[in-house]
Amino acid sequence: MTSTPACPRCGQTPLTALRVEYTRNRWGGSGPTPRPEEWWECSGCGWVGYRDTGTGPLTPMRRPEGGEADCFFCGEEGGNVVSEPWRREDGELRDWVVCLSCGTSNQRRVRGLPGGG
């Protein structure tokens, strides 16, 4: 990891680096390997997000509530974070869910957003 960024929400520095690793389905018994993104969390306001490269912009994620917060792959309670939704070229609304505990991620269809999602 490179420089430690300040929190984009509250300005507190430094953000805390999160170690997010792939831990599921490791063929041949190999150990965990890091996800390609750098993950960060603010201990002050709870902001969580990532950046793709050491110099790239921070991308916010949100911590969902209820059953959506629990990883449907490893079962970790409160392990998931979710991206802002985006619309694909075909008009379908999608988001990206990542488990901070097992590193598994998945794009998914978004349904039921206000405004016709």
N, C-alpha and C. Protein backbone atom coordinates (compact mmCIF):
# COMPACT_ATOMS: atom_id res chain seq x y z
N MET A 1 0.83 -1.18 0.00
CA MET A 1 0.00 0.00 0.00
C MET A 1 0.88 1.24 0.00
N THR A 2 0.33 2.30 -0.55
CA THR A 2 1.08 3.54 -0.62
C THR A 2 0.62 4.49 0.47
N SER A 3 0.49 5.77 0.16
CA SER A 3 0.14 6.76 1.18
C SER A 3 -1.22 6.49 1.80
N THR A 4 -1.36 6.86 3.06
CA THR A 4 -2.61 6.68 3.78
C THR A 4 -3.49 7.90 3.55
N PRO A 5 -4.65 7.71 2.94
CA PRO A 5 -5.51 8.86 2.64
C PRO A 5 -6.29 9.34 3.87
N ALA A 6 -6.77 10.57 3.78
CA ALA A 6 -7.66 11.12 4.80
C ALA A 6 -9.09 10.67 4.48
N CYS A 7 -9.93 10.64 5.48
CA CYS A 7 -11.32 10.26 5.28
C CYS A 7 -12.03 11.30 4.41
N PRO A 8 -12.66 10.86 3.32
CA PRO A 8 -13.36 11.81 2.45
C PRO A 8 -14.64 12.37 3.09
N ARG A 9 -15.17 11.71 4.13
CA ARG A 9 -16.40 12.18 4.77
C ARG A 9 -16.10 13.18 5.90
N CYS A 10 -15.20 12.83 6.81
CA CYS A 10 -14.99 13.68 7.99
C CYS A 10 -13.61 14.34 8.02
N GLY A 11 -12.71 13.95 7.11
CA GLY A 11 -11.38 14.55 7.06
C GLY A 11 -10.39 14.00 8.07
N GLN A 12 -10.81 13.05 8.89
CA GLN A 12 -9.90 12.47 9.89
C GLN A 12 -8.77 11.73 9.18
N THR A 13 -7.56 11.93 9.63
CA THR A 13 -6.44 11.19 9.08
C THR A 13 -5.78 10.42 10.20
N PRO A 14 -5.19 9.33 9.95
CA PRO A 14 -5.28 8.59 8.70
C PRO A 14 -6.45 7.62 8.72
N LEU A 15 -6.88 7.19 7.55
CA LEU A 15 -7.82 6.07 7.47
C LEU A 15 -7.07 4.81 7.90
N THR A 16 -7.80 3.81 8.32
CA THR A 16 -7.20 2.54 8.71
C THR A 16 -7.27 1.59 7.53
N ALA A 17 -6.13 1.02 7.17
CA ALA A 17 -6.09 0.04 6.09
C ALA A 17 -6.75 -1.26 6.57
N LEU A 18 -7.60 -1.82 5.74
CA LEU A 18 -8.24 -3.11 6.03
C LEU A 18 -7.56 -4.19 5.22
N ARG A 19 -7.33 -5.31 5.83
CA ARG A 19 -6.75 -6.45 5.13
C ARG A 19 -7.92 -7.31 4.63
N VAL A 20 -8.21 -7.24 3.34
CA VAL A 20 -9.32 -8.00 2.75
C VAL A 20 -8.70 -9.04 1.83
N GLU A 21 -8.90 -10.31 2.19
CA GLU A 21 -8.27 -11.41 1.47
C GLU A 21 -9.31 -12.42 1.00
N TYR A 22 -8.98 -13.06 -0.12
CA TYR A 22 -9.78 -14.19 -0.57
C TYR A 22 -9.45 -15.38 0.34
N THR A 23 -10.45 -15.91 1.02
CA THR A 23 -10.21 -17.04 1.92
C THR A 23 -11.04 -18.27 1.56
N ARG A 24 -12.02 -18.14 0.66
CA ARG A 24 -12.88 -19.25 0.28
C ARG A 24 -12.35 -19.95 -0.96
N ASN A 25 -12.69 -21.23 -1.10
CA ASN A 25 -12.42 -22.00 -2.32
C ASN A 25 -10.97 -21.90 -2.78
N ARG A 26 -10.05 -22.04 -1.87
CA ARG A 26 -8.63 -21.97 -2.20
C ARG A 26 -8.17 -23.34 -2.69
N TRP A 27 -8.03 -23.50 -4.01
CA TRP A 27 -7.65 -24.77 -4.61
C TRP A 27 -6.29 -25.25 -4.10
N GLY A 28 -6.20 -26.53 -3.83
CA GLY A 28 -4.94 -27.13 -3.40
C GLY A 28 -4.53 -26.73 -1.99
N GLY A 29 -5.45 -26.16 -1.23
CA GLY A 29 -5.13 -25.78 0.14
C GLY A 29 -4.27 -24.55 0.28
N SER A 30 -4.17 -23.74 -0.78
CA SER A 30 -3.34 -22.54 -0.69
C SER A 30 -3.94 -21.55 0.30
N GLY A 31 -3.10 -20.72 0.84
CA GLY A 31 -3.53 -19.76 1.85
C GLY A 31 -4.26 -18.57 1.25
N PRO A 32 -4.74 -17.69 2.10
CA PRO A 32 -5.44 -16.49 1.64
C PRO A 32 -4.55 -15.62 0.75
N THR A 33 -5.18 -14.95 -0.20
CA THR A 33 -4.47 -13.99 -1.05
C THR A 33 -5.23 -12.67 -1.02
N PRO A 34 -4.52 -11.56 -1.06
CA PRO A 34 -5.18 -10.26 -0.98
C PRO A 34 -6.04 -9.96 -2.21
N ARG A 35 -7.15 -9.27 -1.97
CA ARG A 35 -7.94 -8.73 -3.08
C ARG A 35 -7.09 -7.68 -3.80
N PRO A 36 -7.38 -7.38 -5.05
CA PRO A 36 -6.55 -6.43 -5.79
C PRO A 36 -6.72 -4.97 -5.37
N GLU A 37 -7.81 -4.64 -4.70
CA GLU A 37 -8.04 -3.26 -4.28
C GLU A 37 -7.40 -2.99 -2.92
N GLU A 38 -7.17 -1.71 -2.62
CA GLU A 38 -6.78 -1.29 -1.27
C GLU A 38 -8.06 -0.88 -0.56
N TRP A 39 -8.30 -1.44 0.62
CA TRP A 39 -9.52 -1.17 1.39
C TRP A 39 -9.19 -0.32 2.60
N TRP A 40 -10.10 0.64 2.92
CA TRP A 40 -9.88 1.60 4.00
C TRP A 40 -11.15 1.79 4.81
N GLU A 41 -10.97 2.16 6.09
CA GLU A 41 -12.09 2.43 6.98
C GLU A 41 -11.71 3.60 7.89
N CYS A 42 -12.70 4.43 8.22
CA CYS A 42 -12.48 5.55 9.14
C CYS A 42 -12.97 5.15 10.53
N SER A 43 -12.10 5.21 11.51
CA SER A 43 -12.49 4.88 12.87
C SER A 43 -13.34 5.98 13.49
N GLY A 44 -13.31 7.17 12.91
CA GLY A 44 -14.09 8.28 13.45
C GLY A 44 -15.55 8.26 13.04
N CYS A 45 -15.82 8.14 11.72
CA CYS A 45 -17.21 8.25 11.25
C CYS A 45 -17.74 6.96 10.64
N GLY A 46 -16.90 5.94 10.48
CA GLY A 46 -17.35 4.66 9.96
C GLY A 46 -17.32 4.54 8.44
N TRP A 47 -16.83 5.58 7.74
CA TRP A 47 -16.74 5.48 6.28
C TRP A 47 -15.92 4.27 5.90
N VAL A 48 -16.32 3.57 4.84
CA VAL A 48 -15.56 2.43 4.33
C VAL A 48 -15.54 2.53 2.81
N GLY A 49 -14.40 2.15 2.22
CA GLY A 49 -14.29 2.19 0.77
C GLY A 49 -12.97 1.60 0.31
N TYR A 50 -12.70 1.78 -0.96
CA TYR A 50 -11.50 1.19 -1.55
C TYR A 50 -10.95 2.11 -2.63
N ARG A 51 -9.78 1.77 -3.11
CA ARG A 51 -9.24 2.35 -4.33
C ARG A 51 -8.53 1.25 -5.10
N ASP A 52 -8.58 1.37 -6.42
CA ASP A 52 -8.01 0.32 -7.27
C ASP A 52 -6.50 0.35 -7.32
N THR A 53 -5.90 1.52 -7.23
CA THR A 53 -4.44 1.63 -7.26
C THR A 53 -4.00 2.56 -6.15
N GLY A 54 -2.72 2.57 -5.87
CA GLY A 54 -2.18 3.41 -4.80
C GLY A 54 -2.40 4.90 -5.01
N THR A 55 -2.66 5.31 -6.23
CA THR A 55 -2.86 6.74 -6.49
C THR A 55 -4.26 7.05 -6.99
N GLY A 56 -5.10 6.05 -7.13
CA GLY A 56 -6.45 6.25 -7.64
C GLY A 56 -7.36 6.90 -6.62
N PRO A 57 -8.54 7.31 -7.07
CA PRO A 57 -9.50 7.94 -6.16
C PRO A 57 -10.13 6.91 -5.22
N LEU A 58 -10.55 7.38 -4.06
CA LEU A 58 -11.28 6.52 -3.12
C LEU A 58 -12.72 6.36 -3.61
N THR A 59 -13.22 5.14 -3.50
CA THR A 59 -14.59 4.83 -3.89
C THR A 59 -15.36 4.41 -2.65
N PRO A 60 -16.43 5.13 -2.30
CA PRO A 60 -17.17 4.77 -1.09
C PRO A 60 -18.01 3.51 -1.27
N MET A 61 -18.16 2.78 -0.20
CA MET A 61 -19.07 1.64 -0.11
C MET A 61 -19.98 1.93 1.07
N ARG A 62 -21.08 1.23 1.19
CA ARG A 62 -21.95 1.41 2.34
C ARG A 62 -22.11 0.08 3.07
N ARG A 63 -22.33 0.19 4.36
CA ARG A 63 -22.59 -1.00 5.16
C ARG A 63 -24.10 -1.21 5.19
N PRO A 64 -24.58 -2.28 4.59
CA PRO A 64 -26.02 -2.53 4.59
C PRO A 64 -26.51 -2.97 5.96
N GLU A 65 -27.82 -2.96 6.12
CA GLU A 65 -28.43 -3.36 7.39
C GLU A 65 -29.22 -4.65 7.20
N GLY A 66 -29.54 -5.28 8.31
CA GLY A 66 -30.35 -6.50 8.28
C GLY A 66 -29.62 -7.66 7.64
N GLY A 67 -30.39 -8.53 7.00
CA GLY A 67 -29.84 -9.73 6.38
C GLY A 67 -28.88 -9.44 5.25
N GLU A 68 -29.03 -8.28 4.60
CA GLU A 68 -28.14 -7.90 3.50
C GLU A 68 -26.70 -7.70 3.99
N ALA A 69 -26.53 -7.42 5.27
CA ALA A 69 -25.20 -7.19 5.84
C ALA A 69 -24.40 -8.48 6.02
N ASP A 70 -25.10 -9.60 6.12
CA ASP A 70 -24.44 -10.88 6.38
C ASP A 70 -23.99 -11.52 5.07
N CYS A 71 -22.77 -12.03 5.05
CA CYS A 71 -22.23 -12.64 3.84
C CYS A 71 -22.97 -13.92 3.51
N PHE A 72 -23.48 -14.01 2.29
CA PHE A 72 -24.19 -15.22 1.89
C PHE A 72 -23.23 -16.29 1.40
N PHE A 73 -21.93 -16.01 1.41
CA PHE A 73 -20.93 -17.02 1.04
C PHE A 73 -20.30 -17.66 2.28
N CYS A 74 -19.79 -16.84 3.22
CA CYS A 74 -19.11 -17.40 4.39
C CYS A 74 -19.96 -17.32 5.66
N GLY A 75 -21.04 -16.53 5.64
CA GLY A 75 -21.92 -16.43 6.80
C GLY A 75 -21.54 -15.36 7.81
N GLU A 76 -20.46 -14.63 7.58
CA GLU A 76 -20.01 -13.61 8.53
C GLU A 76 -21.09 -12.54 8.73
N GLU A 77 -21.49 -12.35 9.97
CA GLU A 77 -22.50 -11.34 10.29
C GLU A 77 -21.90 -9.96 10.13
N GLY A 78 -22.53 -9.12 9.33
CA GLY A 78 -22.06 -7.76 9.12
C GLY A 78 -20.82 -7.66 8.25
N GLY A 79 -20.50 -8.71 7.49
CA GLY A 79 -19.28 -8.72 6.69
C GLY A 79 -19.37 -7.96 5.38
N ASN A 80 -20.58 -7.74 4.86
CA ASN A 80 -20.74 -7.17 3.53
C ASN A 80 -20.69 -5.65 3.50
N VAL A 81 -20.15 -5.13 2.40
CA VAL A 81 -20.28 -3.73 2.02
C VAL A 81 -20.80 -3.71 0.59
N VAL A 82 -21.49 -2.61 0.22
CA VAL A 82 -22.16 -2.55 -1.08
C VAL A 82 -21.84 -1.22 -1.75
N SER A 83 -21.63 -1.27 -3.07
CA SER A 83 -21.35 -0.07 -3.85
C SER A 83 -22.63 0.71 -4.13
N GLU A 84 -22.44 1.92 -4.65
CA GLU A 84 -23.57 2.66 -5.19
C GLU A 84 -24.04 1.94 -6.45
N PRO A 85 -25.34 1.93 -6.71
CA PRO A 85 -25.82 1.27 -7.93
C PRO A 85 -25.41 2.04 -9.19
N TRP A 86 -25.30 1.32 -10.28
CA TRP A 86 -25.06 1.93 -11.59
C TRP A 86 -25.97 1.25 -12.60
N ARG A 87 -26.22 1.94 -13.70
CA ARG A 87 -27.08 1.40 -14.74
C ARG A 87 -26.22 0.90 -15.90
N ARG A 88 -26.44 -0.35 -16.28
CA ARG A 88 -25.73 -0.93 -17.42
C ARG A 88 -26.29 -0.37 -18.72
N GLU A 89 -25.59 -0.63 -19.82
CA GLU A 89 -26.04 -0.16 -21.13
C GLU A 89 -27.43 -0.68 -21.49
N ASP A 90 -27.76 -1.88 -21.03
CA ASP A 90 -29.08 -2.45 -21.33
C ASP A 90 -30.17 -1.93 -20.39
N GLY A 91 -29.82 -1.00 -19.49
CA GLY A 91 -30.79 -0.39 -18.58
C GLY A 91 -30.92 -1.06 -17.23
N GLU A 92 -30.31 -2.23 -17.07
CA GLU A 92 -30.41 -2.95 -15.80
C GLU A 92 -29.59 -2.23 -14.72
N LEU A 93 -30.18 -2.09 -13.54
CA LEU A 93 -29.51 -1.46 -12.40
C LEU A 93 -28.76 -2.53 -11.62
N ARG A 94 -27.46 -2.29 -11.35
CA ARG A 94 -26.62 -3.25 -10.67
C ARG A 94 -25.87 -2.58 -9.52
N ASP A 95 -25.39 -3.40 -8.58
CA ASP A 95 -24.43 -2.95 -7.58
C ASP A 95 -23.43 -4.06 -7.34
N TRP A 96 -22.46 -3.79 -6.49
CA TRP A 96 -21.37 -4.74 -6.23
C TRP A 96 -21.30 -4.95 -4.73
N VAL A 97 -21.40 -6.19 -4.29
CA VAL A 97 -21.30 -6.52 -2.88
C VAL A 97 -19.98 -7.25 -2.64
N VAL A 98 -19.29 -6.86 -1.56
CA VAL A 98 -18.00 -7.46 -1.20
C VAL A 98 -18.05 -7.83 0.27
N CYS A 99 -17.63 -9.04 0.60
CA CYS A 99 -17.49 -9.44 1.99
C CYS A 99 -16.08 -9.09 2.46
N LEU A 100 -15.99 -8.26 3.48
CA LEU A 100 -14.69 -7.87 4.01
C LEU A 100 -14.02 -8.98 4.79
N SER A 101 -14.78 -10.04 5.12
CA SER A 101 -14.22 -11.16 5.88
C SER A 101 -13.62 -12.24 4.98
N CYS A 102 -14.34 -12.64 3.93
CA CYS A 102 -13.84 -13.72 3.07
C CYS A 102 -13.35 -13.24 1.71
N GLY A 103 -13.56 -11.95 1.39
CA GLY A 103 -13.07 -11.40 0.14
C GLY A 103 -13.92 -11.69 -1.08
N THR A 104 -14.97 -12.46 -0.91
CA THR A 104 -15.82 -12.81 -2.05
C THR A 104 -16.64 -11.60 -2.47
N SER A 105 -16.77 -11.42 -3.79
CA SER A 105 -17.58 -10.31 -4.29
C SER A 105 -18.49 -10.81 -5.40
N ASN A 106 -19.55 -10.03 -5.65
CA ASN A 106 -20.51 -10.42 -6.64
C ASN A 106 -21.29 -9.18 -7.10
N GLN A 107 -21.46 -9.04 -8.41
CA GLN A 107 -22.40 -8.04 -8.90
C GLN A 107 -23.80 -8.63 -8.75
N ARG A 108 -24.77 -7.76 -8.54
CA ARG A 108 -26.13 -8.25 -8.41
C ARG A 108 -27.11 -7.22 -8.96
N ARG A 109 -28.27 -7.70 -9.35
CA ARG A 109 -29.35 -6.84 -9.82
C ARG A 109 -29.94 -6.09 -8.64
N VAL A 110 -30.23 -4.82 -8.83
CA VAL A 110 -30.85 -4.01 -7.79
C VAL A 110 -32.33 -3.89 -8.11
N ARG A 111 -33.15 -4.15 -7.12
CA ARG A 111 -34.60 -4.04 -7.30
C ARG A 111 -35.18 -3.18 -6.18
N GLY A 112 -36.25 -2.48 -6.51
CA GLY A 112 -37.00 -1.78 -5.50
C GLY A 112 -36.42 -0.46 -5.02
N LEU A 113 -35.55 0.19 -5.82
CA LEU A 113 -35.05 1.51 -5.43
C LEU A 113 -36.11 2.57 -5.72
N PRO A 114 -36.18 3.60 -4.93
CA PRO A 114 -37.10 4.69 -5.24
C PRO A 114 -36.76 5.25 -6.63
N GLY A 115 -37.79 5.61 -7.37
CA GLY A 115 -37.57 6.15 -8.71
C GLY A 115 -37.55 5.08 -9.79
N GLY A 116 -38.04 3.89 -9.48
CA GLY A 116 -38.19 2.88 -10.52
C GLY A 116 -37.08 1.89 -10.68
N GLY A 117 -36.24 1.71 -9.64
CA GLY A 117 -35.14 0.75 -9.75
C GLY A 117 -35.57 -0.66 -9.62
